[in-house]
């Protein structure tokens, strides 16, 4: 016999001696039968928004027309002053943006002296 034949069985035996020990079996946890949940959980639903304006139909004043996040209705600003006609006290006369605007939609001269 040559030296190569003796070396192979010796490596096989040494390789097995350094292998990790086998995993220990964990004891199974016993399961108990229950009657199930006491109440049935409610399903998760998203609010309905038919017009897609991100205002749910329940609080949307115009649920079939896309509009602003304020009330869900389309923004109509006849005079172009940035205040929608729904909240503008003077919808046909623009409020001047000069630093003294009070946000009611009326110029200072049209609303009288303040």
PDB file of N, CA and C in Angstrom:
ATOM      1  N   UNK A   1       0.819  -1.176   0.000  1.00  0.00           N
ATOM      2  CA  UNK A   1       0.000   0.000   0.000  1.00  0.00           C
ATOM      3  C   UNK A   1       0.861   1.236   0.000  1.00  0.00           C
ATOM      4  N   UNK A   2       0.346   2.273  -0.662  1.00  0.00           N
ATOM      5  CA  UNK A   2       1.093   3.505  -0.745  1.00  0.00           C
ATOM      6  C   UNK A   2       0.665   4.465   0.368  1.00  0.00           C
ATOM      7  N   UNK A   3       1.384   5.576   0.530  1.00  0.00           N
ATOM      8  CA  UNK A   3       1.061   6.530   1.590  1.00  0.00           C
ATOM      9  C   UNK A   3      -0.274   7.245   1.358  1.00  0.00           C
ATOM     10  N   UNK A   4      -0.748   7.338   0.127  1.00  0.00           N
ATOM     11  CA  UNK A   4      -1.998   8.024  -0.162  1.00  0.00           C
ATOM     12  C   UNK A   4      -3.215   7.276   0.357  1.00  0.00           C
ATOM     13  N   UNK A   5      -3.118   5.943   0.437  1.00  0.00           N
ATOM     14  CA  UNK A   5      -4.262   5.160   0.879  1.00  0.00           C
ATOM     15  C   UNK A   5      -4.489   5.302   2.376  1.00  0.00           C
ATOM     16  N   UNK A   6      -3.482   5.500   3.159  1.00  0.00           N
ATOM     17  CA  UNK A   6      -3.643   5.634   4.604  1.00  0.00           C
ATOM     18  C   UNK A   6      -4.119   7.039   4.988  1.00  0.00           C
ATOM     19  N   UNK A   7      -3.742   8.039   4.199  1.00  0.00           N
ATOM     20  CA  UNK A   7      -4.090   9.431   4.513  1.00  0.00           C
ATOM     21  C   UNK A   7      -5.589   9.695   4.332  1.00  0.00           C
ATOM     22  N   UNK A   8      -6.214   9.145   3.326  1.00  0.00           N
ATOM     23  CA  UNK A   8      -7.616   9.398   3.046  1.00  0.00           C
ATOM     24  C   UNK A   8      -8.538   8.940   4.189  1.00  0.00           C
ATOM     25  N   UNK A   9      -8.441   7.715   4.702  1.00  0.00           N
ATOM     26  CA  UNK A   9      -9.301   7.326   5.824  1.00  0.00           C
ATOM     27  C   UNK A   9      -9.039   8.160   7.074  1.00  0.00           C
ATOM     28  N   UNK A  10      -7.792   8.609   7.275  1.00  0.00           N
ATOM     29  CA  UNK A  10      -7.479   9.409   8.461  1.00  0.00           C
ATOM     30  C   UNK A  10      -8.160  10.774   8.368  1.00  0.00           C
ATOM     31  N   UNK A  11      -8.203  11.396   7.183  1.00  0.00           N
ATOM     32  CA  UNK A  11      -8.883  12.682   7.015  1.00  0.00           C
ATOM     33  C   UNK A  11     -10.385  12.525   7.206  1.00  0.00           C
ATOM     34  N   UNK A  12     -10.922  11.430   6.755  1.00  0.00           N
ATOM     35  CA  UNK A  12     -12.349  11.190   6.893  1.00  0.00           C
ATOM     36  C   UNK A  12     -12.728  11.065   8.359  1.00  0.00           C
ATOM     37  N   UNK A  13     -11.924  10.394   9.131  1.00  0.00           N
ATOM     38  CA  UNK A  13     -12.194  10.214  10.561  1.00  0.00           C
ATOM     39  C   UNK A  13     -12.025  11.540  11.292  1.00  0.00           C
ATOM     40  N   UNK A  14     -10.995  12.323  10.989  1.00  0.00           N
ATOM     41  CA  UNK A  14     -10.771  13.610  11.643  1.00  0.00           C
ATOM     42  C   UNK A  14     -11.861  14.610  11.276  1.00  0.00           C
ATOM     43  N   UNK A  15     -12.307  14.573  10.041  1.00  0.00           N
ATOM     44  CA  UNK A  15     -13.372  15.483   9.615  1.00  0.00           C
ATOM     45  C   UNK A  15     -14.664  15.213  10.365  1.00  0.00           C
ATOM     46  N   UNK A  16     -14.962  13.993  10.661  1.00  0.00           N
ATOM     47  CA  UNK A  16     -16.176  13.655  11.396  1.00  0.00           C
ATOM     48  C   UNK A  16     -16.067  14.021  12.863  1.00  0.00           C
ATOM     49  N   UNK A  17     -14.863  13.996  13.411  1.00  0.00           N
ATOM     50  CA  UNK A  17     -14.669  14.290  14.823  1.00  0.00           C
ATOM     51  C   UNK A  17     -14.920  15.766  15.115  1.00  0.00           C
ATOM     52  N   UNK A  18     -14.745  16.666  14.150  1.00  0.00           N
ATOM     53  CA  UNK A  18     -14.914  18.099  14.365  1.00  0.00           C
ATOM     54  C   UNK A  18     -16.269  18.630  13.888  1.00  0.00           C
ATOM     55  N   UNK A  19     -17.165  17.775  13.500  1.00  0.00           N
ATOM     56  CA  UNK A  19     -18.468  18.244  13.048  1.00  0.00           C
ATOM     57  C   UNK A  19     -19.297  18.673  14.269  1.00  0.00           C
ATOM     58  N   UNK A  20     -20.207  19.652  14.108  1.00  0.00           N
ATOM     59  CA  UNK A  20     -21.003  20.125  15.243  1.00  0.00           C
ATOM     60  C   UNK A  20     -21.963  19.039  15.723  1.00  0.00           C
ATOM     61  N   UNK A  21     -22.343  19.085  16.994  1.00  0.00           N
ATOM     62  CA  UNK A  21     -23.255  18.060  17.498  1.00  0.00           C
ATOM     63  C   UNK A  21     -24.626  18.217  16.835  1.00  0.00           C
ATOM     64  N   UNK A  22     -25.386  17.161  16.735  1.00  0.00           N
ATOM     65  CA  UNK A  22     -26.704  17.253  16.097  1.00  0.00           C
ATOM     66  C   UNK A  22     -27.628  18.179  16.913  1.00  0.00           C
ATOM     67  N   UNK A  23     -28.540  18.862  16.189  1.00  0.00           N
ATOM     68  CA  UNK A  23     -29.481  19.782  16.833  1.00  0.00           C
ATOM     69  C   UNK A  23     -30.408  19.000  17.756  1.00  0.00           C
ATOM     70  N   UNK A  24     -30.666  19.579  18.912  1.00  0.00           N
ATOM     71  CA  UNK A  24     -31.586  18.925  19.823  1.00  0.00           C
ATOM     72  C   UNK A  24     -33.011  19.259  19.399  1.00  0.00           C
ATOM     73  N   UNK A  25     -33.873  18.314  19.500  1.00  0.00           N
ATOM     74  CA  UNK A  25     -35.266  18.498  19.143  1.00  0.00           C
ATOM     75  C   UNK A  25     -35.956  19.321  20.224  1.00  0.00           C
ATOM     76  N   UNK A  26     -36.662  20.400  19.807  1.00  0.00           N
ATOM     77  CA  UNK A  26     -37.431  21.186  20.761  1.00  0.00           C
ATOM     78  C   UNK A  26     -38.753  20.488  21.011  1.00  0.00           C
ATOM     79  N   UNK A  27     -39.215  20.597  22.228  1.00  0.00           N
ATOM     80  CA  UNK A  27     -40.490  19.982  22.571  1.00  0.00           C
ATOM     81  C   UNK A  27     -41.624  20.791  21.941  1.00  0.00           C
ATOM     82  N   UNK A  28     -42.580  20.154  21.289  1.00  0.00           N
ATOM     83  CA  UNK A  28     -43.691  20.900  20.711  1.00  0.00           C
ATOM     84  C   UNK A  28     -44.563  21.515  21.809  1.00  0.00           C
ATOM     85  N   UNK A  29     -45.050  22.718  21.544  1.00  0.00           N
ATOM     86  CA  UNK A  29     -45.916  23.406  22.487  1.00  0.00           C
ATOM     87  C   UNK A  29     -47.333  22.881  22.292  1.00  0.00           C
ATOM     88  N   UNK A  30     -47.971  22.448  23.353  1.00  0.00           N
ATOM     89  CA  UNK A  30     -49.330  21.931  23.180  1.00  0.00           C
ATOM     90  C   UNK A  30     -50.294  23.068  22.853  1.00  0.00           C
ATOM     91  N   UNK A  31     -51.188  22.837  21.923  1.00  0.00           N
ATOM     92  CA  UNK A  31     -52.174  23.827  21.526  1.00  0.00           C
ATOM     93  C   UNK A  31     -53.513  23.479  22.155  1.00  0.00           C
ATOM     94  N   UNK A  32     -54.202  24.520  22.604  1.00  0.00           N
ATOM     95  CA  UNK A  32     -55.518  24.317  23.180  1.00  0.00           C
ATOM     96  C   UNK A  32     -56.559  24.776  22.174  1.00  0.00           C
ATOM     97  N   UNK A  33     -57.622  24.064  22.088  1.00  0.00           N
ATOM     98  CA  UNK A  33     -58.722  24.457  21.217  1.00  0.00           C
ATOM     99  C   UNK A  33     -59.519  25.556  21.907  1.00  0.00           C
ATOM    100  N   UNK A  34     -59.864  26.608  21.160  1.00  0.00           N
ATOM    101  CA  UNK A  34     -60.676  27.697  21.710  1.00  0.00           C
ATOM    102  C   UNK A  34     -61.942  27.829  20.890  1.00  0.00           C
ATOM    103  N   UNK A  35     -62.853  28.619  21.386  1.00  0.00           N
ATOM    104  CA  UNK A  35     -64.111  28.815  20.666  1.00  0.00           C
ATOM    105  C   UNK A  35     -63.995  29.933  19.637  1.00  0.00           C
ATOM    106  N   UNK A  36     -62.831  30.530  19.469  1.00  0.00           N
ATOM    107  CA  UNK A  36     -62.634  31.584  18.480  1.00  0.00           C
ATOM    108  C   UNK A  36     -62.824  32.960  19.087  1.00  0.00           C
ATOM    109  N   UNK A  37     -62.771  34.000  18.269  1.00  0.00           N
ATOM    110  CA  UNK A  37     -62.913  35.356  18.807  1.00  0.00           C
ATOM    111  C   UNK A  37     -64.321  35.590  19.343  1.00  0.00           C
ATOM    112  N   UNK A  38     -64.394  36.427  20.360  1.00  0.00           N
ATOM    113  CA  UNK A  38     -65.683  36.732  20.963  1.00  0.00           C
ATOM    114  C   UNK A  38     -66.518  37.587  20.019  1.00  0.00           C
ATOM    115  N   UNK A  39     -65.889  38.565  19.356  1.00  0.00           N
ATOM    116  CA  UNK A  39     -66.592  39.409  18.389  1.00  0.00           C
ATOM    117  C   UNK A  39     -65.898  39.304  17.050  1.00  0.00           C
ATOM    118  N   UNK A  40     -66.651  39.470  16.008  1.00  0.00           N
ATOM    119  CA  UNK A  40     -66.078  39.428  14.670  1.00  0.00           C
ATOM    120  C   UNK A  40     -65.465  40.791  14.366  1.00  0.00           C
ATOM    121  N   UNK A  41     -64.184  40.848  13.956  1.00  0.00           N
ATOM    122  CA  UNK A  41     -63.572  42.140  13.659  1.00  0.00           C
ATOM    123  C   UNK A  41     -64.208  42.788  12.437  1.00  0.00           C
ATOM    124  N   UNK A  42     -64.294  44.120  12.477  1.00  0.00           N
ATOM    125  CA  UNK A  42     -64.845  44.857  11.337  1.00  0.00           C
ATOM    126  C   UNK A  42     -63.831  44.864  10.209  1.00  0.00           C
ATOM    127  N   UNK A  43     -64.312  44.776   9.005  1.00  0.00           N
ATOM    128  CA  UNK A  43     -63.404  44.809   7.862  1.00  0.00           C
ATOM    129  C   UNK A  43     -62.901  46.237   7.656  1.00  0.00           C
ATOM    130  N   UNK A  44     -61.702  46.342   7.159  1.00  0.00           N
ATOM    131  CA  UNK A  44     -61.103  47.650   6.905  1.00  0.00           C
ATOM    132  C   UNK A  44     -61.648  48.174   5.581  1.00  0.00           C
ATOM    133  N   UNK A  45     -62.240  49.358   5.637  1.00  0.00           N
ATOM    134  CA  UNK A  45     -62.792  49.951   4.428  1.00  0.00           C
ATOM    135  C   UNK A  45     -62.236  51.352   4.262  1.00  0.00           C
ATOM    136  N   UNK A  46     -62.131  51.777   3.056  1.00  0.00           N
ATOM    137  CA  UNK A  46     -61.713  53.145   2.789  1.00  0.00           C
ATOM    138  C   UNK A  46     -62.953  53.968   2.487  1.00  0.00           C
ATOM    139  N   UNK A  47     -62.972  55.233   2.898  1.00  0.00           N
ATOM    140  CA  UNK A  47     -64.143  56.060   2.624  1.00  0.00           C
ATOM    141  C   UNK A  47     -64.371  56.207   1.123  1.00  0.00           C
ATOM    142  N   UNK A  48     -65.619  56.314   0.746  1.00  0.00           N
ATOM    143  CA  UNK A  48     -65.975  56.451  -0.670  1.00  0.00           C
ATOM    144  C   UNK A  48     -65.734  57.888  -1.111  1.00  0.00           C
ATOM    145  N   UNK A  49     -65.078  58.045  -2.253  1.00  0.00           N
ATOM    146  CA  UNK A  49     -64.809  59.366  -2.838  1.00  0.00           C
ATOM    147  C   UNK A  49     -65.053  59.240  -4.334  1.00  0.00           C
ATOM    148  N   UNK A  50     -66.296  59.428  -4.751  1.00  0.00           N
ATOM    149  CA  UNK A  50     -66.672  59.202  -6.151  1.00  0.00           C
ATOM    150  C   UNK A  50     -65.982  60.150  -7.115  1.00  0.00           C
ATOM    151  N   UNK A  51     -65.758  61.411  -6.724  1.00  0.00           N
ATOM    152  CA  UNK A  51     -65.177  62.371  -7.669  1.00  0.00           C
ATOM    153  C   UNK A  51     -63.651  62.436  -7.603  1.00  0.00           C
ATOM    154  N   UNK A  52     -63.023  61.743  -6.646  1.00  0.00           N
ATOM    155  CA  UNK A  52     -61.563  61.668  -6.592  1.00  0.00           C
ATOM    156  C   UNK A  52     -60.864  62.934  -6.123  1.00  0.00           C
ATOM    157  N   UNK A  53     -61.547  63.803  -5.388  1.00  0.00           N
ATOM    158  CA  UNK A  53     -60.915  65.051  -4.936  1.00  0.00           C
ATOM    159  C   UNK A  53     -60.305  64.937  -3.538  1.00  0.00           C
ATOM    160  N   UNK A  54     -60.204  63.731  -3.000  1.00  0.00           N
ATOM    161  CA  UNK A  54     -59.628  63.432  -1.686  1.00  0.00           C
ATOM    162  C   UNK A  54     -60.481  63.935  -0.526  1.00  0.00           C
ATOM    163  N   UNK A  55     -61.746  64.277  -0.773  1.00  0.00           N
ATOM    164  CA  UNK A  55     -62.701  64.621   0.281  1.00  0.00           C
ATOM    165  C   UNK A  55     -63.742  63.503   0.280  1.00  0.00           C
ATOM    166  N   UNK A  56     -63.852  62.724   1.381  1.00  0.00           N
ATOM    167  CA  UNK A  56     -64.819  61.626   1.401  1.00  0.00           C
ATOM    168  C   UNK A  56     -66.240  62.130   1.161  1.00  0.00           C
ATOM    169  N   UNK A  57     -67.030  61.320   0.477  1.00  0.00           N
ATOM    170  CA  UNK A  57     -68.395  61.715   0.128  1.00  0.00           C
ATOM    171  C   UNK A  57     -69.225  62.101   1.347  1.00  0.00           C
ATOM    172  N   UNK A  58     -68.936  61.549   2.507  1.00  0.00           N
ATOM    173  CA  UNK A  58     -69.683  61.873   3.712  1.00  0.00           C
ATOM    174  C   UNK A  58     -69.537  63.327   4.136  1.00  0.00           C
ATOM    175  N   UNK A  59     -68.407  63.973   3.810  1.00  0.00           N
ATOM    176  CA  UNK A  59     -68.208  65.376   4.177  1.00  0.00           C
ATOM    177  C   UNK A  59     -68.021  66.270   2.952  1.00  0.00           C
ATOM    178  N   UNK A  60     -68.253  65.743   1.766  1.00  0.00           N
ATOM    179  CA  UNK A  60     -68.109  66.490   0.516  1.00  0.00           C
ATOM    180  C   UNK A  60     -69.433  67.168   0.180  1.00  0.00           C
ATOM    181  N   UNK A  61     -69.434  68.499   0.056  1.00  0.00           N
ATOM    182  CA  UNK A  61     -70.663  69.216  -0.277  1.00  0.00           C
ATOM    183  C   UNK A  61     -71.059  69.011  -1.733  1.00  0.00           C
ATOM    184  N   UNK A  62     -70.098  68.649  -2.578  1.00  0.00           N
ATOM    185  CA  UNK A  62     -70.361  68.378  -3.997  1.00  0.00           C
ATOM    186  C   UNK A  62     -69.727  67.026  -4.332  1.00  0.00           C
ATOM    187  N   UNK A  63     -70.355  65.898  -3.933  1.00  0.00           N
ATOM    188  CA  UNK A  63     -69.702  64.594  -4.066  1.00  0.00           C
ATOM    189  C   UNK A  63     -69.518  64.087  -5.489  1.00  0.00           C
ATOM    190  N   UNK A  64     -70.150  64.724  -6.482  1.00  0.00           N
ATOM    191  CA  UNK A  64     -69.996  64.246  -7.858  1.00  0.00           C
ATOM    192  C   UNK A  64     -69.119  65.159  -8.702  1.00  0.00           C
ATOM    193  N   UNK A  65     -68.618  66.266  -8.111  1.00  0.00           N
ATOM    194  CA  UNK A  65     -67.746  67.198  -8.832  1.00  0.00           C
ATOM    195  C   UNK A  65     -66.441  67.355  -8.053  1.00  0.00           C
ATOM    196  N   UNK A  66     -65.286  67.158  -8.695  1.00  0.00           N
ATOM    197  CA  UNK A  66     -64.034  67.358  -7.970  1.00  0.00           C
ATOM    198  C   UNK A  66     -63.871  68.816  -7.573  1.00  0.00           C
ATOM    199  N   UNK A  67     -63.351  69.028  -6.372  1.00  0.00           N
ATOM    200  CA  UNK A  67     -63.212  70.392  -5.892  1.00  0.00           C
ATOM    201  C   UNK A  67     -62.067  70.547  -4.910  1.00  0.00           C
ATOM    202  N   UNK A  68     -62.164  71.567  -4.088  1.00  0.00           N
ATOM    203  CA  UNK A  68     -61.102  71.900  -3.146  1.00  0.00           C
ATOM    204  C   UNK A  68     -61.180  71.011  -1.911  1.00  0.00           C
ATOM    205  N   UNK A  69     -60.090  70.970  -1.161  1.00  0.00           N
ATOM    206  CA  UNK A  69     -60.067  70.197   0.070  1.00  0.00           C
ATOM    207  C   UNK A  69     -60.874  70.876   1.169  1.00  0.00           C
ATOM    208  N   UNK A  70     -61.221  72.125   0.978  1.00  0.00           N
ATOM    209  CA  UNK A  70     -61.960  72.871   2.007  1.00  0.00           C
ATOM    210  C   UNK A  70     -63.373  72.312   2.177  1.00  0.00           C
ATOM    211  N   UNK A  71     -64.115  72.161   1.087  1.00  0.00           N
ATOM    212  CA  UNK A  71     -65.481  71.654   1.184  1.00  0.00           C
ATOM    213  C   UNK A  71     -65.826  70.629   0.100  1.00  0.00           C
ATOM    214  N   UNK A  72     -64.896  70.365  -0.822  1.00  0.00           N
ATOM    215  CA  UNK A  72     -65.134  69.386  -1.873  1.00  0.00           C
ATOM    216  C   UNK A  72     -65.817  69.925  -3.103  1.00  0.00           C
ATOM    217  N   UNK A  73     -66.172  71.196  -3.109  1.00  0.00           N
ATOM    218  CA  UNK A  73     -66.839  71.788  -4.274  1.00  0.00           C
ATOM    219  C   UNK A  73     -65.820  72.474  -5.176  1.00  0.00           C
ATOM    220  N   UNK A  74     -66.149  72.553  -6.472  1.00  0.00           N
ATOM    221  CA  UNK A  74     -65.244  73.239  -7.389  1.00  0.00           C
ATOM    222  C   UNK A  74     -65.051  74.697  -6.963  1.00  0.00           C
ATOM    223  N   UNK A  75     -63.830  75.169  -7.155  1.00  0.00           N
ATOM    224  CA  UNK A  75     -63.523  76.546  -6.791  1.00  0.00           C
ATOM    225  C   UNK A  75     -63.922  77.454  -7.949  1.00  0.00           C
ATOM    226  N   UNK A  76     -64.865  78.348  -7.673  1.00  0.00           N
ATOM    227  CA  UNK A  76     -65.293  79.338  -8.654  1.00  0.00           C
ATOM    228  C   UNK A  76     -64.903  80.680  -8.080  1.00  0.00           C
ATOM    229  N   UNK A  77     -64.044  81.398  -8.800  1.00  0.00           N
ATOM    230  CA  UNK A  77     -63.563  82.706  -8.345  1.00  0.00           C
ATOM    231  C   UNK A  77     -63.761  83.686  -9.494  1.00  0.00           C
ATOM    232  N   UNK A  78     -64.914  84.290  -9.547  1.00  0.00           N
ATOM    233  CA  UNK A  78     -65.287  85.171 -10.657  1.00  0.00           C
ATOM    234  C   UNK A  78     -64.357  86.365 -10.772  1.00  0.00           C
ATOM    235  N   UNK A  79     -64.014  87.001  -9.649  1.00  0.00           N
ATOM    236  CA  UNK A  79     -63.189  88.217  -9.701  1.00  0.00           C
ATOM    237  C   UNK A  79     -61.690  87.936  -9.654  1.00  0.00           C
ATOM    238  N   UNK A  80     -61.271  86.676  -9.451  1.00  0.00           N
ATOM    239  CA  UNK A  80     -59.853  86.319  -9.498  1.00  0.00           C
ATOM    240  C   UNK A  80     -59.023  86.814  -8.327  1.00  0.00           C
ATOM    241  N   UNK A  81     -59.639  87.063  -7.169  1.00  0.00           N
ATOM    242  CA  UNK A  81     -58.869  87.556  -6.031  1.00  0.00           C
ATOM    243  C   UNK A  81     -58.357  86.438  -5.123  1.00  0.00           C
ATOM    244  N   UNK A  82     -58.599  85.181  -5.484  1.00  0.00           N
ATOM    245  CA  UNK A  82     -58.097  84.059  -4.703  1.00  0.00           C
ATOM    246  C   UNK A  82     -59.055  83.601  -3.620  1.00  0.00           C
ATOM    247  N   UNK A  83     -60.220  84.219  -3.519  1.00  0.00           N
ATOM    248  CA  UNK A  83     -61.241  83.818  -2.552  1.00  0.00           C
ATOM    249  C   UNK A  83     -62.423  83.306  -3.362  1.00  0.00           C
ATOM    250  N   UNK A  84     -62.782  82.026  -3.134  1.00  0.00           N
ATOM    251  CA  UNK A  84     -63.850  81.443  -3.945  1.00  0.00           C
ATOM    252  C   UNK A  84     -65.164  82.173  -3.713  1.00  0.00           C
ATOM    253  N   UNK A  85     -65.994  82.181  -4.726  1.00  0.00           N
ATOM    254  CA  UNK A  85     -67.265  82.909  -4.676  1.00  0.00           C
ATOM    255  C   UNK A  85     -68.150  82.461  -3.511  1.00  0.00           C
ATOM    256  N   UNK A  86     -68.031  81.219  -3.094  1.00  0.00           N
ATOM    257  CA  UNK A  86     -68.837  80.712  -1.983  1.00  0.00           C
ATOM    258  C   UNK A  86     -68.532  81.469  -0.691  1.00  0.00           C
ATOM    259  N   UNK A  87     -67.280  81.915  -0.499  1.00  0.00           N
ATOM    260  CA  UNK A  87     -66.867  82.606   0.725  1.00  0.00           C
ATOM    261  C   UNK A  87     -66.569  84.085   0.496  1.00  0.00           C
ATOM    262  N   UNK A  88     -66.702  84.560  -0.718  1.00  0.00           N
ATOM    263  CA  UNK A  88     -66.387  85.943  -1.085  1.00  0.00           C
ATOM    264  C   UNK A  88     -67.632  86.809  -0.887  1.00  0.00           C
ATOM    265  N   UNK A  89     -67.528  87.830  -0.033  1.00  0.00           N
ATOM    266  CA  UNK A  89     -68.675  88.713   0.196  1.00  0.00           C
ATOM    267  C   UNK A  89     -68.929  89.634  -0.993  1.00  0.00           C
ATOM    268  N   UNK A  90     -67.906  89.863  -1.820  1.00  0.00           N
ATOM    269  CA  UNK A  90     -68.037  90.675  -3.032  1.00  0.00           C
ATOM    270  C   UNK A  90     -67.478  89.869  -4.198  1.00  0.00           C
ATOM    271  N   UNK A  91     -68.229  88.906  -4.743  1.00  0.00           N
ATOM    272  CA  UNK A  91     -67.680  87.986  -5.746  1.00  0.00           C
ATOM    273  C   UNK A  91     -67.340  88.616  -7.084  1.00  0.00           C
ATOM    274  N   UNK A  92     -67.837  89.829  -7.381  1.00  0.00           N
ATOM    275  CA  UNK A  92     -67.538  90.447  -8.673  1.00  0.00           C
ATOM    276  C   UNK A  92     -66.522  91.572  -8.566  1.00  0.00           C
ATOM    277  N   UNK A  93     -66.115  91.944  -7.341  1.00  0.00           N
ATOM    278  CA  UNK A  93     -65.127  93.011  -7.128  1.00  0.00           C
ATOM    279  C   UNK A  93     -63.934  92.386  -6.408  1.00  0.00           C
ATOM    280  N   UNK A  94     -62.725  92.432  -7.011  1.00  0.00           N
ATOM    281  CA  UNK A  94     -61.581  91.791  -6.362  1.00  0.00           C
ATOM    282  C   UNK A  94     -61.095  92.559  -5.134  1.00  0.00           C
ATOM    283  N   UNK A  95     -60.650  91.789  -4.146  1.00  0.00           N
ATOM    284  CA  UNK A  95     -60.023  92.383  -2.969  1.00  0.00           C
ATOM    285  C   UNK A  95     -58.562  92.641  -3.308  1.00  0.00           C
ATOM    286  N   UNK A  96     -58.104  93.844  -3.057  1.00  0.00           N
ATOM    287  CA  UNK A  96     -56.733  94.228  -3.384  1.00  0.00           C
ATOM    288  C   UNK A  96     -55.792  93.603  -2.366  1.00  0.00           C
ATOM    289  N   UNK A  97     -54.744  92.989  -2.869  1.00  0.00           N
ATOM    290  CA  UNK A  97     -53.752  92.364  -1.984  1.00  0.00           C
ATOM    291  C   UNK A  97     -52.645  93.374  -1.709  1.00  0.00           C
ATOM    292  N   UNK A  98     -52.899  94.277  -0.766  1.00  0.00           N
ATOM    293  CA  UNK A  98     -51.925  95.328  -0.463  1.00  0.00           C
ATOM    294  C   UNK A  98     -51.413  95.244   0.967  1.00  0.00           C
ATOM    295  N   UNK A  99     -51.622  94.123   1.632  1.00  0.00           N
ATOM    296  CA  UNK A  99     -51.178  93.983   3.009  1.00  0.00           C
ATOM    297  C   UNK A  99     -52.276  94.314   3.998  1.00  0.00           C
ATOM    298  N   UNK A 100     -53.342  94.954   3.554  1.00  0.00           N
ATOM    299  CA  UNK A 100     -54.448  95.289   4.449  1.00  0.00           C
ATOM    300  C   UNK A 100     -55.670  94.413   4.180  1.00  0.00           C
ATOM    301  N   UNK A 101     -55.521  93.392   3.370  1.00  0.00           N
ATOM    302  CA  UNK A 101     -56.654  92.531   3.029  1.00  0.00           C
ATOM    303  C   UNK A 101     -57.087  91.740   4.255  1.00  0.00           C
ATOM    304  N   UNK A 102     -58.388  91.644   4.442  1.00  0.00           N
ATOM    305  CA  UNK A 102     -58.891  90.922   5.606  1.00  0.00           C
ATOM    306  C   UNK A 102     -59.465  89.550   5.246  1.00  0.00           C
ATOM    307  N   UNK A 103     -59.482  89.194   3.979  1.00  0.00           N
ATOM    308  CA  UNK A 103     -59.893  87.864   3.558  1.00  0.00           C
ATOM    309  C   UNK A 103     -61.375  87.685   3.325  1.00  0.00           C
ATOM    310  N   UNK A 104     -62.169  88.773   3.353  1.00  0.00           N
ATOM    311  CA  UNK A 104     -63.600  88.604   3.107  1.00  0.00           C
ATOM    312  C   UNK A 104     -63.951  88.718   1.630  1.00  0.00           C
ATOM    313  N   UNK A 105     -62.986  89.135   0.784  1.00  0.00           N
ATOM    314  CA  UNK A 105     -63.221  89.207  -0.641  1.00  0.00           C
ATOM    315  C   UNK A 105     -63.637  90.587  -1.124  1.00  0.00           C
ATOM    316  N   UNK A 106     -63.827  91.509  -0.237  1.00  0.00           N
ATOM    317  CA  UNK A 106     -64.253  92.864  -0.634  1.00  0.00           C
ATOM    318  C   UNK A 106     -63.106  93.857  -0.460  1.00  0.00           C
ATOM    319  N   UNK A 107     -62.979  94.786  -1.399  1.00  0.00           N
ATOM    320  CA  UNK A 107     -61.983  95.823  -1.185  1.00  0.00           C
ATOM    321  C   UNK A 107     -62.422  96.715  -0.025  1.00  0.00           C
ATOM    322  N   UNK A 108     -61.471  97.410   0.571  1.00  0.00           N
ATOM    323  CA  UNK A 108     -61.766  98.227   1.742  1.00  0.00           C
ATOM    324  C   UNK A 108     -62.810  99.293   1.412  1.00  0.00           C
ATOM    325  N   UNK A 109     -62.739  99.895   0.227  1.00  0.00           N
ATOM    326  CA  UNK A 109     -63.700 100.949  -0.124  1.00  0.00           C
ATOM    327  C   UNK A 109     -65.107 100.406  -0.339  1.00  0.00           C
ATOM    328  N   UNK A 110     -65.254  99.167  -0.810  1.00  0.00           N
ATOM    329  CA  UNK A 110     -66.578  98.605  -1.085  1.00  0.00           C
ATOM    330  C   UNK A 110     -67.287  98.186   0.188  1.00  0.00           C
ATOM    331  N   UNK A 111     -66.532  97.808   1.215  1.00  0.00           N
ATOM    332  CA  UNK A 111     -67.155  97.338   2.463  1.00  0.00           C
ATOM    333  C   UNK A 111     -67.391  98.481   3.427  1.00  0.00           C
ATOM    334  N   UNK A 112     -66.917  99.648   3.092  1.00  0.00           N
ATOM    335  CA  UNK A 112     -67.095 100.788   3.988  1.00  0.00           C
ATOM    336  C   UNK A 112     -65.891 100.986   4.882  1.00  0.00           C
ATOM    337  N   UNK A 113     -65.911 101.989   5.691  1.00  0.00           N
ATOM    338  CA  UNK A 113     -64.800 102.285   6.591  1.00  0.00           C
ATOM    339  C   UNK A 113     -64.788 101.255   7.709  1.00  0.00           C
ATOM    340  N   UNK A 114     -63.558 100.795   8.028  1.00  0.00           N
ATOM    341  CA  UNK A 114     -63.425  99.794   9.105  1.00  0.00           C
ATOM    342  C   UNK A 114     -62.602 100.311  10.217  1.00  0.00           C
TER     343      UNK A 114
END
